Amino acid sequence: MMSLDYDRLLYLKRLIDNNQATNSDKNEYMKILLQNGSITHDQYNSFIKNQNSEEIVRAALTIGGVILAAWLISKLVED
C-alpha cells in the first residue's frame, strides 16, 4: 500500500461531491483509491471504460469518506 495523500484525496472528494470535478479529477481520485487498494482493478477498469462510472464514483466516494474519517480519527488520537 502506498503512502496516501489524504489532503489531495479530501480535495478531490469535495470537488466530486460538489459537482465541480473534471474528468481528470475523477480519474485521479479513482487512481488514488486503486493504488491504495481501496478499489479493485475491475472497478477501476469499469470506471475507465465508462461502464456504470457514476455508480462506481458514488461507491468510491463512500470508500474515500471512510478512509478520510479513519485518518482524521487517528490524527485526533495522536494529539
PDB file of N, CA and C in Angstrom:
ATOM      1  N   MET A   1       0.840  -1.181   0.000  1.00  0.00           N
ATOM      2  CA  MET A   1       0.000   0.000   0.000  1.00  0.00           C
ATOM      3  C   MET A   1       0.884   1.242   0.000  1.00  0.00           C
ATOM      4  N   MET A   2       0.558   2.178  -0.853  1.00  0.00           N
ATOM      5  CA  MET A   2       1.353   3.395  -0.965  1.00  0.00           C
ATOM      6  C   MET A   2       1.002   4.381   0.142  1.00  0.00           C
ATOM      7  N   SER A   3       1.856   5.363   0.321  1.00  0.00           N
ATOM      8  CA  SER A   3       1.574   6.431   1.264  1.00  0.00           C
ATOM      9  C   SER A   3       0.474   7.297   0.658  1.00  0.00           C
ATOM     10  N   LEU A   4      -0.606   7.419   1.350  1.00  0.00           N
ATOM     11  CA  LEU A   4      -1.778   8.104   0.818  1.00  0.00           C
ATOM     12  C   LEU A   4      -1.707   9.598   1.110  1.00  0.00           C
ATOM     13  N   ASP A   5      -1.958  10.421   0.103  1.00  0.00           N
ATOM     14  CA  ASP A   5      -2.019  11.868   0.268  1.00  0.00           C
ATOM     15  C   ASP A   5      -3.456  12.225   0.650  1.00  0.00           C
ATOM     16  N   TYR A   6      -3.707  12.259   1.949  1.00  0.00           N
ATOM     17  CA  TYR A   6      -5.063  12.478   2.447  1.00  0.00           C
ATOM     18  C   TYR A   6      -5.601  13.851   2.072  1.00  0.00           C
ATOM     19  N   ASP A   7      -4.737  14.858   2.073  1.00  0.00           N
ATOM     20  CA  ASP A   7      -5.193  16.200   1.707  1.00  0.00           C
ATOM     21  C   ASP A   7      -5.689  16.233   0.267  1.00  0.00           C
ATOM     22  N   ARG A   8      -4.964  15.568  -0.620  1.00  0.00           N
ATOM     23  CA  ARG A   8      -5.361  15.532  -2.037  1.00  0.00           C
ATOM     24  C   ARG A   8      -6.652  14.727  -2.198  1.00  0.00           C
ATOM     25  N   LEU A   9      -6.740  13.603  -1.501  1.00  0.00           N
ATOM     26  CA  LEU A   9      -7.942  12.777  -1.561  1.00  0.00           C
ATOM     27  C   LEU A   9      -9.158  13.572  -1.087  1.00  0.00           C
ATOM     28  N   LEU A  10      -9.001  14.293   0.006  1.00  0.00           N
ATOM     29  CA  LEU A  10     -10.095  15.121   0.536  1.00  0.00           C
ATOM     30  C   LEU A  10     -10.480  16.212  -0.453  1.00  0.00           C
ATOM     31  N   TYR A  11      -9.485  16.869  -1.039  1.00  0.00           N
ATOM     32  CA  TYR A  11      -9.747  17.927  -2.021  1.00  0.00           C
ATOM     33  C   TYR A  11     -10.545  17.380  -3.203  1.00  0.00           C
ATOM     34  N   LEU A  12     -10.101  16.256  -3.747  1.00  0.00           N
ATOM     35  CA  LEU A  12     -10.785  15.662  -4.896  1.00  0.00           C
ATOM     36  C   LEU A  12     -12.190  15.201  -4.526  1.00  0.00           C
ATOM     37  N   LYS A  13     -12.337  14.630  -3.328  1.00  0.00           N
ATOM     38  CA  LYS A  13     -13.661  14.184  -2.872  1.00  0.00           C
ATOM     39  C   LYS A  13     -14.623  15.365  -2.782  1.00  0.00           C
ATOM     40  N   ARG A  14     -14.143  16.471  -2.277  1.00  0.00           N
ATOM     41  CA  ARG A  14     -15.002  17.668  -2.175  1.00  0.00           C
ATOM     42  C   ARG A  14     -15.412  18.172  -3.550  1.00  0.00           C
ATOM     43  N   LEU A  15     -14.476  18.175  -4.494  1.00  0.00           N
ATOM     44  CA  LEU A  15     -14.823  18.592  -5.856  1.00  0.00           C
ATOM     45  C   LEU A  15     -15.913  17.702  -6.438  1.00  0.00           C
ATOM     46  N   ILE A  16     -15.753  16.394  -6.266  1.00  0.00           N
ATOM     47  CA  ILE A  16     -16.732  15.449  -6.801  1.00  0.00           C
ATOM     48  C   ILE A  16     -18.074  15.619  -6.097  1.00  0.00           C
ATOM     49  N   ASP A  17     -18.059  15.740  -4.776  1.00  0.00           N
ATOM     50  CA  ASP A  17     -19.297  15.927  -4.009  1.00  0.00           C
ATOM     51  C   ASP A  17     -20.059  17.173  -4.460  1.00  0.00           C
ATOM     52  N   ASN A  18     -19.320  18.223  -4.808  1.00  0.00           N
ATOM     53  CA  ASN A  18     -19.930  19.499  -5.192  1.00  0.00           C
ATOM     54  C   ASN A  18     -20.164  19.623  -6.700  1.00  0.00           C
ATOM     55  N   ASN A  19     -20.016  18.519  -7.421  1.00  0.00           N
ATOM     56  CA  ASN A  19     -20.197  18.508  -8.876  1.00  0.00           C
ATOM     57  C   ASN A  19     -19.314  19.525  -9.583  1.00  0.00           C
ATOM     58  N   GLN A  20     -18.105  19.736  -9.064  1.00  0.00           N
ATOM     59  CA  GLN A  20     -17.154  20.667  -9.664  1.00  0.00           C
ATOM     60  C   GLN A  20     -15.936  19.947 -10.240  1.00  0.00           C
ATOM     61  N   ALA A  21     -15.916  18.637 -10.149  1.00  0.00           N
ATOM     62  CA  ALA A  21     -14.756  17.858 -10.583  1.00  0.00           C
ATOM     63  C   ALA A  21     -14.765  17.667 -12.095  1.00  0.00           C
ATOM     64  N   THR A  22     -13.579  17.776 -12.665  1.00  0.00           N
ATOM     65  CA  THR A  22     -13.415  17.450 -14.075  1.00  0.00           C
ATOM     66  C   THR A  22     -13.243  15.940 -14.198  1.00  0.00           C
ATOM     67  N   ASN A  23     -13.255  15.452 -15.411  1.00  0.00           N
ATOM     68  CA  ASN A  23     -12.988  14.024 -15.617  1.00  0.00           C
ATOM     69  C   ASN A  23     -11.592  13.675 -15.117  1.00  0.00           C
ATOM     70  N   SER A  24     -10.659  14.578 -15.290  1.00  0.00           N
ATOM     71  CA  SER A  24      -9.292  14.362 -14.814  1.00  0.00           C
ATOM     72  C   SER A  24      -9.256  14.232 -13.287  1.00  0.00           C
ATOM     73  N   ASP A  25     -10.038  15.063 -12.602  1.00  0.00           N
ATOM     74  CA  ASP A  25     -10.117  14.986 -11.134  1.00  0.00           C
ATOM     75  C   ASP A  25     -10.682  13.640 -10.693  1.00  0.00           C
ATOM     76  N   LYS A  26     -11.748  13.195 -11.370  1.00  0.00           N
ATOM     77  CA  LYS A  26     -12.357  11.907 -11.033  1.00  0.00           C
ATOM     78  C   LYS A  26     -11.380  10.769 -11.301  1.00  0.00           C
ATOM     79  N   ASN A  27     -10.671  10.855 -12.424  1.00  0.00           N
ATOM     80  CA  ASN A  27      -9.677   9.832 -12.749  1.00  0.00           C
ATOM     81  C   ASN A  27      -8.593   9.772 -11.679  1.00  0.00           C
ATOM     82  N   GLU A  28      -8.124  10.927 -11.236  1.00  0.00           N
ATOM     83  CA  GLU A  28      -7.080  10.966 -10.202  1.00  0.00           C
ATOM     84  C   GLU A  28      -7.589  10.373  -8.896  1.00  0.00           C
ATOM     85  N   TYR A  29      -8.817  10.700  -8.526  1.00  0.00           N
ATOM     86  CA  TYR A  29      -9.426  10.184  -7.304  1.00  0.00           C
ATOM     87  C   TYR A  29      -9.496   8.663  -7.353  1.00  0.00           C
ATOM     88  N   MET A  30      -9.988   8.151  -8.463  1.00  0.00           N
ATOM     89  CA  MET A  30     -10.110   6.702  -8.613  1.00  0.00           C
ATOM     90  C   MET A  30      -8.741   6.031  -8.630  1.00  0.00           C
ATOM     91  N   LYS A  31      -7.754   6.666  -9.253  1.00  0.00           N
ATOM     92  CA  LYS A  31      -6.398   6.112  -9.309  1.00  0.00           C
ATOM     93  C   LYS A  31      -5.790   6.045  -7.906  1.00  0.00           C
ATOM     94  N   ILE A  32      -6.024   7.063  -7.090  1.00  0.00           N
ATOM     95  CA  ILE A  32      -5.531   7.059  -5.710  1.00  0.00           C
ATOM     96  C   ILE A  32      -6.134   5.884  -4.943  1.00  0.00           C
ATOM     97  N   LEU A  33      -7.452   5.695  -5.090  1.00  0.00           N
ATOM     98  CA  LEU A  33      -8.112   4.587  -4.395  1.00  0.00           C
ATOM     99  C   LEU A  33      -7.604   3.239  -4.887  1.00  0.00           C
ATOM    100  N   LEU A  34      -7.345   3.123  -6.180  1.00  0.00           N
ATOM    101  CA  LEU A  34      -6.804   1.879  -6.726  1.00  0.00           C
ATOM    102  C   LEU A  34      -5.412   1.606  -6.161  1.00  0.00           C
ATOM    103  N   GLN A  35      -4.558   2.606  -6.178  1.00  0.00           N
ATOM    104  CA  GLN A  35      -3.184   2.440  -5.687  1.00  0.00           C
ATOM    105  C   GLN A  35      -3.154   2.136  -4.196  1.00  0.00           C
ATOM    106  N   ASN A  36      -4.156   2.601  -3.473  1.00  0.00           N
ATOM    107  CA  ASN A  36      -4.250   2.346  -2.043  1.00  0.00           C
ATOM    108  C   ASN A  36      -4.845   0.963  -1.748  1.00  0.00           C
ATOM    109  N   GLY A  37      -5.374   0.318  -2.768  1.00  0.00           N
ATOM    110  CA  GLY A  37      -6.009  -0.981  -2.565  1.00  0.00           C
ATOM    111  C   GLY A  37      -7.441  -0.879  -2.089  1.00  0.00           C
ATOM    112  N   SER A  38      -8.026   0.306  -2.199  1.00  0.00           N
ATOM    113  CA  SER A  38      -9.389   0.530  -1.718  1.00  0.00           C
ATOM    114  C   SER A  38     -10.447   0.127  -2.729  1.00  0.00           C
ATOM    115  N   ILE A  39     -10.088   0.075  -3.999  1.00  0.00           N
ATOM    116  CA  ILE A  39     -10.968  -0.442  -5.027  1.00  0.00           C
ATOM    117  C   ILE A  39     -10.180  -1.476  -5.832  1.00  0.00           C
ATOM    118  N   THR A  40     -10.904  -2.322  -6.542  1.00  0.00           N
ATOM    119  CA  THR A  40     -10.252  -3.378  -7.324  1.00  0.00           C
ATOM    120  C   THR A  40      -9.886  -2.862  -8.716  1.00  0.00           C
ATOM    121  N   HIS A  41      -9.036  -3.632  -9.385  1.00  0.00           N
ATOM    122  CA  HIS A  41      -8.688  -3.302 -10.770  1.00  0.00           C
ATOM    123  C   HIS A  41      -9.929  -3.373 -11.656  1.00  0.00           C
ATOM    124  N   ASP A  42     -10.822  -4.318 -11.376  1.00  0.00           N
ATOM    125  CA  ASP A  42     -12.056  -4.428 -12.160  1.00  0.00           C
ATOM    126  C   ASP A  42     -12.915  -3.175 -12.013  1.00  0.00           C
ATOM    127  N   GLN A  43     -13.031  -2.672 -10.781  1.00  0.00           N
ATOM    128  CA  GLN A  43     -13.807  -1.448 -10.561  1.00  0.00           C
ATOM    129  C   GLN A  43     -13.163  -0.267 -11.281  1.00  0.00           C
ATOM    130  N   TYR A  44     -11.855  -0.179 -11.186  1.00  0.00           N
ATOM    131  CA  TYR A  44     -11.146   0.924 -11.849  1.00  0.00           C
ATOM    132  C   TYR A  44     -11.299   0.816 -13.366  1.00  0.00           C
ATOM    133  N   ASN A  45     -11.121  -0.388 -13.907  1.00  0.00           N
ATOM    134  CA  ASN A  45     -11.239  -0.580 -15.355  1.00  0.00           C
ATOM    135  C   ASN A  45     -12.653  -0.289 -15.846  1.00  0.00           C
ATOM    136  N   SER A  46     -13.659  -0.670 -15.074  1.00  0.00           N
ATOM    137  CA  SER A  46     -15.043  -0.348 -15.434  1.00  0.00           C
ATOM    138  C   SER A  46     -15.251   1.160 -15.454  1.00  0.00           C
ATOM    139  N   PHE A  47     -14.663   1.839 -14.491  1.00  0.00           N
ATOM    140  CA  PHE A  47     -14.758   3.302 -14.453  1.00  0.00           C
ATOM    141  C   PHE A  47     -14.100   3.902 -15.694  1.00  0.00           C
ATOM    142  N   ILE A  48     -12.895   3.431 -16.026  1.00  0.00           N
ATOM    143  CA  ILE A  48     -12.167   3.956 -17.179  1.00  0.00           C
ATOM    144  C   ILE A  48     -12.939   3.697 -18.475  1.00  0.00           C
ATOM    145  N   LYS A  49     -13.567   2.528 -18.569  1.00  0.00           N
ATOM    146  CA  LYS A  49     -14.334   2.178 -19.765  1.00  0.00           C
ATOM    147  C   LYS A  49     -15.709   2.841 -19.763  1.00  0.00           C
ATOM    148  N   ASN A  50     -16.008   3.577 -18.702  1.00  0.00           N
ATOM    149  CA  ASN A  50     -17.269   4.304 -18.550  1.00  0.00           C
ATOM    150  C   ASN A  50     -18.463   3.373 -18.407  1.00  0.00           C
ATOM    151  N   GLN A  51     -18.249   2.209 -17.850  1.00  0.00           N
ATOM    152  CA  GLN A  51     -19.334   1.277 -17.576  1.00  0.00           C
ATOM    153  C   GLN A  51     -19.798   1.523 -16.143  1.00  0.00           C
ATOM    154  N   ASN A  52     -20.986   2.046 -16.000  1.00  0.00           N
ATOM    155  CA  ASN A  52     -21.536   2.357 -14.673  1.00  0.00           C
ATOM    156  C   ASN A  52     -20.638   3.320 -13.906  1.00  0.00           C
ATOM    157  N   SER A  53     -19.997   4.241 -14.610  1.00  0.00           N
ATOM    158  CA  SER A  53     -19.000   5.085 -13.952  1.00  0.00           C
ATOM    159  C   SER A  53     -19.592   5.949 -12.836  1.00  0.00           C
ATOM    160  N   GLU A  54     -20.790   6.445 -13.012  1.00  0.00           N
ATOM    161  CA  GLU A  54     -21.377   7.269 -11.954  1.00  0.00           C
ATOM    162  C   GLU A  54     -21.643   6.442 -10.701  1.00  0.00           C
ATOM    163  N   GLU A  55     -22.099   5.212 -10.879  1.00  0.00           N
ATOM    164  CA  GLU A  55     -22.319   4.328  -9.728  1.00  0.00           C
ATOM    165  C   GLU A  55     -20.996   3.998  -9.053  1.00  0.00           C
ATOM    166  N   ILE A  56     -19.982   3.758  -9.852  1.00  0.00           N
ATOM    167  CA  ILE A  56     -18.662   3.440  -9.300  1.00  0.00           C
ATOM    168  C   ILE A  56     -18.104   4.638  -8.550  1.00  0.00           C
ATOM    169  N   VAL A  57     -18.255   5.832  -9.095  1.00  0.00           N
ATOM    170  CA  VAL A  57     -17.761   7.039  -8.416  1.00  0.00           C
ATOM    171  C   VAL A  57     -18.511   7.247  -7.104  1.00  0.00           C
ATOM    172  N   ARG A  58     -19.815   7.039  -7.102  1.00  0.00           N
ATOM    173  CA  ARG A  58     -20.581   7.198  -5.850  1.00  0.00           C
ATOM    174  C   ARG A  58     -20.105   6.206  -4.792  1.00  0.00           C
ATOM    175  N   ALA A  59     -19.869   4.974  -5.196  1.00  0.00           N
ATOM    176  CA  ALA A  59     -19.346   3.976  -4.252  1.00  0.00           C
ATOM    177  C   ALA A  59     -17.950   4.372  -3.789  1.00  0.00           C
ATOM    178  N   ALA A  60     -17.138   4.882  -4.705  1.00  0.00           N
ATOM    179  CA  ALA A  60     -15.782   5.303  -4.362  1.00  0.00           C
ATOM    180  C   ALA A  60     -15.806   6.493  -3.399  1.00  0.00           C
ATOM    181  N   LEU A  61     -16.788   7.365  -3.533  1.00  0.00           N
ATOM    182  CA  LEU A  61     -16.905   8.491  -2.599  1.00  0.00           C
ATOM    183  C   LEU A  61     -17.155   7.985  -1.185  1.00  0.00           C
ATOM    184  N   THR A  62     -17.962   6.957  -1.065  1.00  0.00           N
ATOM    185  CA  THR A  62     -18.207   6.363   0.249  1.00  0.00           C
ATOM    186  C   THR A  62     -16.920   5.757   0.798  1.00  0.00           C
ATOM    187  N   ILE A  63     -16.213   5.020  -0.045  1.00  0.00           N
ATOM    188  CA  ILE A  63     -14.950   4.403   0.376  1.00  0.00           C
ATOM    189  C   ILE A  63     -13.960   5.480   0.798  1.00  0.00           C
ATOM    190  N   GLY A  64     -13.832   6.514  -0.018  1.00  0.00           N
ATOM    191  CA  GLY A  64     -12.925   7.608   0.313  1.00  0.00           C
ATOM    192  C   GLY A  64     -13.319   8.306   1.603  1.00  0.00           C
ATOM    193  N   GLY A  65     -14.614   8.454   1.821  1.00  0.00           N
ATOM    194  CA  GLY A  65     -15.094   9.065   3.062  1.00  0.00           C
ATOM    195  C   GLY A  65     -14.699   8.271   4.285  1.00  0.00           C
ATOM    196  N   VAL A  66     -14.788   6.957   4.173  1.00  0.00           N
ATOM    197  CA  VAL A  66     -14.398   6.084   5.289  1.00  0.00           C
ATOM    198  C   VAL A  66     -12.891   6.195   5.544  1.00  0.00           C
ATOM    199  N   ILE A  67     -12.108   6.192   4.474  1.00  0.00           N
ATOM    200  CA  ILE A  67     -10.650   6.324   4.608  1.00  0.00           C
ATOM    201  C   ILE A  67     -10.291   7.646   5.282  1.00  0.00           C
ATOM    202  N   LEU A  68     -10.939   8.717   4.834  1.00  0.00           N
ATOM    203  CA  LEU A  68     -10.653  10.036   5.410  1.00  0.00           C
ATOM    204  C   LEU A  68     -11.112  10.124   6.862  1.00  0.00           C
ATOM    205  N   ALA A  69     -12.245   9.536   7.190  1.00  0.00           N
ATOM    206  CA  ALA A  69     -12.727   9.540   8.575  1.00  0.00           C
ATOM    207  C   ALA A  69     -11.745   8.804   9.484  1.00  0.00           C
ATOM    208  N   ALA A  70     -11.269   7.651   9.018  1.00  0.00           N
ATOM    209  CA  ALA A  70     -10.299   6.891   9.815  1.00  0.00           C
ATOM    210  C   ALA A  70      -9.013   7.692  10.003  1.00  0.00           C
ATOM    211  N   TRP A  71      -8.576   8.383   8.967  1.00  0.00           N
ATOM    212  CA  TRP A  71      -7.369   9.210   9.052  1.00  0.00           C
ATOM    213  C   TRP A  71      -7.563  10.346  10.064  1.00  0.00           C
ATOM    214  N   LEU A  72      -8.713  11.025   9.988  1.00  0.00           N
ATOM    215  CA  LEU A  72      -8.972  12.129  10.916  1.00  0.00           C
ATOM    216  C   LEU A  72      -9.052  11.639  12.360  1.00  0.00           C
ATOM    217  N   ILE A  73      -9.665  10.497  12.579  1.00  0.00           N
ATOM    218  CA  ILE A  73      -9.749   9.936  13.937  1.00  0.00           C
ATOM    219  C   ILE A  73      -8.360   9.612  14.433  1.00  0.00           C
ATOM    220  N   SER A  74      -7.515   9.031  13.575  1.00  0.00           N
ATOM    221  CA  SER A  74      -6.145   8.706  14.008  1.00  0.00           C
ATOM    222  C   SER A  74      -5.378   9.979  14.345  1.00  0.00           C
ATOM    223  N   LYS A  75      -5.623  11.063  13.630  1.00  0.00           N
ATOM    224  CA  LYS A  75      -4.966  12.338  13.927  1.00  0.00           C
ATOM    225  C   LYS A  75      -5.438  12.886  15.275  1.00  0.00           C
ATOM    226  N   LEU A  76      -6.714  12.744  15.572  1.00  0.00           N
ATOM    227  CA  LEU A  76      -7.252  13.217  16.844  1.00  0.00           C
ATOM    228  C   LEU A  76      -6.670  12.417  18.013  1.00  0.00           C
ATOM    229  N   VAL A  77      -6.521  11.119  17.814  1.00  0.00           N
ATOM    230  CA  VAL A  77      -5.981  10.248  18.851  1.00  0.00           C
ATOM    231  C   VAL A  77      -4.511  10.571  19.114  1.00  0.00           C
ATOM    232  N   GLU A  78      -3.769  10.906  18.055  1.00  0.00           N
ATOM    233  CA  GLU A  78      -2.358  11.250  18.192  1.00  0.00           C
ATOM    234  C   GLU A  78      -2.164  12.503  19.036  1.00  0.00           C
ATOM    235  N   ASP A  79      -3.074  13.448  18.914  1.00  0.00           N
ATOM    236  CA  ASP A  79      -2.945  14.735  19.633  1.00  0.00           C
ATOM    237  C   ASP A  79      -3.363  14.618  21.018  1.00  0.00           C
TER     238      ASP A  79
END
